C-alpha cells in the first residue's frame, strides 16, 4: 500500500467488514468496484483468461469500458 501511495500518488483505503456483524453488510464504496466488474463480465472475451500477455488483457479492458461509455452517450 505504501508503494502505491509513493509511486502512483494514489490514496488507498482498505474497507473492512465490521467484526461484530453477521450476515449481509453494505460496505462503503465496495459496490462501485463490484458494479464495474459486473459490467466487464458482459464482454465475452473478458470472462475467461484467454490472453497470454497482461498488456493485451489491459487493452481489452480499456476497449470494454470504452464500449460501455459510448453506449451510455448514445
N, C-alpha and C. Protein backbone atom coordinates (compact mmCIF):
# COMPACT_ATOMS: atom_id res chain seq x y z
N UNK A 1 0.83 -1.18 0.00
CA UNK A 1 0.00 0.00 0.00
C UNK A 1 0.88 1.25 0.00
N UNK A 2 1.97 1.20 0.70
CA UNK A 2 2.88 2.35 0.74
C UNK A 2 3.49 2.59 -0.63
N UNK A 3 3.80 1.50 -1.36
CA UNK A 3 4.38 1.64 -2.69
C UNK A 3 3.41 2.37 -3.62
N UNK A 4 2.12 2.01 -3.56
CA UNK A 4 1.11 2.65 -4.40
C UNK A 4 1.03 4.13 -4.07
N UNK A 5 1.08 4.47 -2.79
CA UNK A 5 0.99 5.87 -2.39
C UNK A 5 2.23 6.66 -2.85
N UNK A 6 3.39 6.03 -2.80
CA UNK A 6 4.62 6.72 -3.21
C UNK A 6 4.76 6.79 -4.73
N UNK A 7 4.53 5.67 -5.40
CA UNK A 7 4.79 5.59 -6.84
C UNK A 7 3.67 6.22 -7.67
N UNK A 8 2.43 5.87 -7.38
CA UNK A 8 1.29 6.34 -8.18
C UNK A 8 0.63 7.59 -7.63
N UNK A 9 0.97 7.95 -6.41
CA UNK A 9 0.36 9.10 -5.72
C UNK A 9 -1.15 8.93 -5.57
N UNK A 10 -1.58 7.70 -5.28
CA UNK A 10 -2.97 7.40 -5.01
C UNK A 10 -3.14 7.17 -3.52
N UNK A 11 -4.30 7.49 -3.03
CA UNK A 11 -4.63 7.19 -1.64
C UNK A 11 -5.45 5.91 -1.62
N UNK A 12 -4.90 4.88 -0.99
CA UNK A 12 -5.56 3.59 -0.93
C UNK A 12 -6.25 3.46 0.42
N UNK A 13 -7.53 3.13 0.37
CA UNK A 13 -8.30 2.96 1.60
C UNK A 13 -8.90 1.57 1.59
N UNK A 14 -8.50 0.75 2.53
CA UNK A 14 -9.00 -0.62 2.64
C UNK A 14 -10.29 -0.60 3.43
N UNK A 15 -11.34 -1.19 2.86
CA UNK A 15 -12.64 -1.24 3.53
C UNK A 15 -12.83 -2.63 4.10
N UNK A 16 -12.87 -2.71 5.42
CA UNK A 16 -13.03 -3.99 6.10
C UNK A 16 -14.45 -4.14 6.64
N UNK A 17 -14.88 -5.36 6.74
CA UNK A 17 -16.19 -5.65 7.31
C UNK A 17 -16.09 -5.58 8.84
N UNK A 18 -17.04 -4.95 9.49
CA UNK A 18 -17.03 -4.91 10.96
C UNK A 18 -17.14 -6.32 11.55
N UNK A 19 -16.33 -6.63 12.55
CA UNK A 19 -16.27 -7.98 13.10
C UNK A 19 -17.53 -8.36 13.87
N UNK A 20 -18.21 -7.40 14.47
CA UNK A 20 -19.37 -7.72 15.30
C UNK A 20 -20.65 -7.97 14.51
N UNK A 21 -20.61 -7.84 13.18
CA UNK A 21 -21.82 -8.01 12.38
C UNK A 21 -21.90 -9.42 11.80
N UNK A 22 -23.16 -9.85 11.57
CA UNK A 22 -23.40 -11.14 10.93
C UNK A 22 -24.29 -10.91 9.72
N UNK A 23 -24.15 -11.76 8.72
CA UNK A 23 -24.99 -11.64 7.53
C UNK A 23 -24.49 -10.56 6.58
N UNK A 24 -25.42 -10.06 5.76
CA UNK A 24 -25.08 -9.07 4.74
C UNK A 24 -24.88 -7.69 5.37
N UNK A 25 -23.77 -7.05 5.00
CA UNK A 25 -23.48 -5.69 5.45
C UNK A 25 -23.03 -4.90 4.24
N UNK A 26 -23.66 -3.76 4.00
CA UNK A 26 -23.27 -2.90 2.89
C UNK A 26 -21.97 -2.20 3.25
N UNK A 27 -20.92 -2.44 2.46
CA UNK A 27 -19.62 -1.83 2.71
C UNK A 27 -19.45 -0.60 1.85
N UNK A 28 -18.96 0.46 2.43
CA UNK A 28 -18.81 1.73 1.76
C UNK A 28 -17.85 1.61 0.57
N UNK A 29 -18.29 2.10 -0.58
CA UNK A 29 -17.52 2.17 -1.83
C UNK A 29 -17.27 0.82 -2.49
N UNK A 30 -17.55 -0.30 -1.84
CA UNK A 30 -17.29 -1.59 -2.46
C UNK A 30 -18.23 -1.86 -3.63
N UNK A 31 -19.43 -1.34 -3.58
CA UNK A 31 -20.41 -1.59 -4.64
C UNK A 31 -19.94 -1.00 -5.96
N UNK A 32 -19.14 0.05 -5.92
CA UNK A 32 -18.63 0.66 -7.16
C UNK A 32 -17.73 -0.33 -7.88
N UNK A 33 -16.87 -1.00 -7.15
CA UNK A 33 -15.95 -1.97 -7.74
C UNK A 33 -16.72 -3.19 -8.25
N UNK A 34 -17.65 -3.68 -7.43
CA UNK A 34 -18.43 -4.85 -7.84
C UNK A 34 -19.27 -4.57 -9.08
N UNK A 35 -19.85 -3.37 -9.16
CA UNK A 35 -20.65 -2.99 -10.32
C UNK A 35 -19.79 -2.94 -11.58
N UNK A 36 -18.58 -2.38 -11.45
CA UNK A 36 -17.68 -2.29 -12.61
C UNK A 36 -17.27 -3.68 -13.09
N UNK A 37 -16.96 -4.58 -12.16
CA UNK A 37 -16.62 -5.96 -12.54
C UNK A 37 -17.80 -6.62 -13.25
N UNK A 38 -19.00 -6.35 -12.78
CA UNK A 38 -20.20 -6.89 -13.43
C UNK A 38 -20.34 -6.40 -14.85
N UNK A 39 -20.08 -5.11 -15.08
CA UNK A 39 -20.14 -4.56 -16.44
C UNK A 39 -19.10 -5.23 -17.33
N UNK A 40 -17.89 -5.43 -16.81
CA UNK A 40 -16.83 -6.03 -17.61
C UNK A 40 -17.13 -7.49 -17.96
N UNK A 41 -17.85 -8.19 -17.09
CA UNK A 41 -18.18 -9.59 -17.37
C UNK A 41 -19.22 -9.72 -18.48
N UNK A 42 -19.79 -8.61 -18.92
CA UNK A 42 -20.69 -8.63 -20.06
C UNK A 42 -19.95 -8.83 -21.37
N UNK A 43 -18.66 -8.68 -21.36
CA UNK A 43 -17.83 -8.88 -22.56
C UNK A 43 -17.29 -10.31 -22.55
N UNK A 44 -17.63 -11.06 -23.58
CA UNK A 44 -17.30 -12.49 -23.62
C UNK A 44 -15.81 -12.76 -23.48
N UNK A 45 -14.99 -11.92 -24.08
CA UNK A 45 -13.55 -12.18 -24.08
C UNK A 45 -12.92 -11.97 -22.70
N UNK A 46 -13.56 -11.18 -21.86
CA UNK A 46 -13.01 -10.91 -20.53
C UNK A 46 -13.48 -11.92 -19.48
N UNK A 47 -14.46 -12.75 -19.83
CA UNK A 47 -14.98 -13.71 -18.86
C UNK A 47 -13.92 -14.77 -18.55
N UNK A 48 -13.21 -15.21 -19.54
CA UNK A 48 -12.13 -16.19 -19.35
C UNK A 48 -10.80 -15.52 -19.64
N UNK A 49 -9.75 -16.11 -19.12
CA UNK A 49 -8.41 -15.55 -19.29
C UNK A 49 -7.77 -16.16 -20.54
N UNK A 50 -8.13 -15.59 -21.70
CA UNK A 50 -7.61 -16.11 -22.97
C UNK A 50 -6.24 -15.53 -23.32
N UNK A 51 -5.93 -14.38 -22.82
CA UNK A 51 -4.75 -13.65 -23.27
C UNK A 51 -3.48 -14.16 -22.59
N UNK A 52 -2.38 -14.12 -23.32
CA UNK A 52 -1.09 -14.55 -22.76
C UNK A 52 -0.38 -13.40 -22.07
N UNK A 53 -0.53 -12.21 -22.60
CA UNK A 53 0.18 -11.05 -22.04
C UNK A 53 -0.76 -10.17 -21.23
N UNK A 54 -0.30 -9.68 -20.09
CA UNK A 54 -1.13 -8.77 -19.29
C UNK A 54 -1.49 -7.49 -20.04
N UNK A 55 -0.61 -7.03 -20.90
CA UNK A 55 -0.87 -5.81 -21.66
C UNK A 55 -2.06 -6.00 -22.60
N UNK A 56 -2.21 -7.19 -23.16
CA UNK A 56 -3.35 -7.47 -24.03
C UNK A 56 -4.65 -7.46 -23.23
N UNK A 57 -4.62 -8.05 -22.04
CA UNK A 57 -5.81 -8.04 -21.19
C UNK A 57 -6.18 -6.61 -20.80
N UNK A 58 -5.18 -5.82 -20.50
CA UNK A 58 -5.41 -4.42 -20.13
C UNK A 58 -6.05 -3.67 -21.29
N UNK A 59 -5.60 -3.93 -22.50
CA UNK A 59 -6.15 -3.27 -23.68
C UNK A 59 -7.62 -3.65 -23.88
N UNK A 60 -7.95 -4.93 -23.69
CA UNK A 60 -9.33 -5.35 -23.84
C UNK A 60 -10.23 -4.77 -22.76
N UNK A 61 -9.69 -4.57 -21.57
CA UNK A 61 -10.47 -3.91 -20.51
C UNK A 61 -10.76 -2.47 -20.90
N UNK A 62 -9.76 -1.78 -21.44
CA UNK A 62 -9.97 -0.41 -21.92
C UNK A 62 -11.03 -0.36 -23.02
N UNK A 63 -10.95 -1.32 -23.94
CA UNK A 63 -11.93 -1.36 -25.03
C UNK A 63 -13.34 -1.63 -24.50
N UNK A 64 -13.44 -2.51 -23.54
CA UNK A 64 -14.76 -2.83 -22.96
C UNK A 64 -15.35 -1.60 -22.26
N UNK A 65 -14.53 -0.89 -21.49
CA UNK A 65 -15.03 0.30 -20.80
C UNK A 65 -15.37 1.40 -21.80
N UNK A 66 -14.60 1.51 -22.87
CA UNK A 66 -14.90 2.48 -23.92
C UNK A 66 -16.24 2.17 -24.56
N UNK A 67 -16.49 0.88 -24.83
CA UNK A 67 -17.77 0.46 -25.40
C UNK A 67 -18.93 0.80 -24.47
N UNK A 68 -18.75 0.57 -23.19
CA UNK A 68 -19.79 0.88 -22.21
C UNK A 68 -20.07 2.39 -22.18
N UNK A 69 -19.02 3.19 -22.19
CA UNK A 69 -19.20 4.66 -22.14
C UNK A 69 -19.87 5.19 -23.41
N UNK A 70 -19.47 4.65 -24.57
CA UNK A 70 -20.07 5.11 -25.82
C UNK A 70 -21.55 4.75 -25.88
N UNK A 71 -21.91 3.55 -25.41
CA UNK A 71 -23.32 3.16 -25.39
C UNK A 71 -24.15 4.07 -24.48
N UNK A 72 -23.56 4.51 -23.39
CA UNK A 72 -24.29 5.41 -22.48
C UNK A 72 -24.45 6.80 -23.07
N UNK A 73 -23.51 7.23 -23.88
CA UNK A 73 -23.59 8.55 -24.50
C UNK A 73 -24.57 8.56 -25.67
N UNK A 74 -24.75 7.41 -26.32
CA UNK A 74 -25.61 7.35 -27.50
C UNK A 74 -27.07 7.43 -27.16
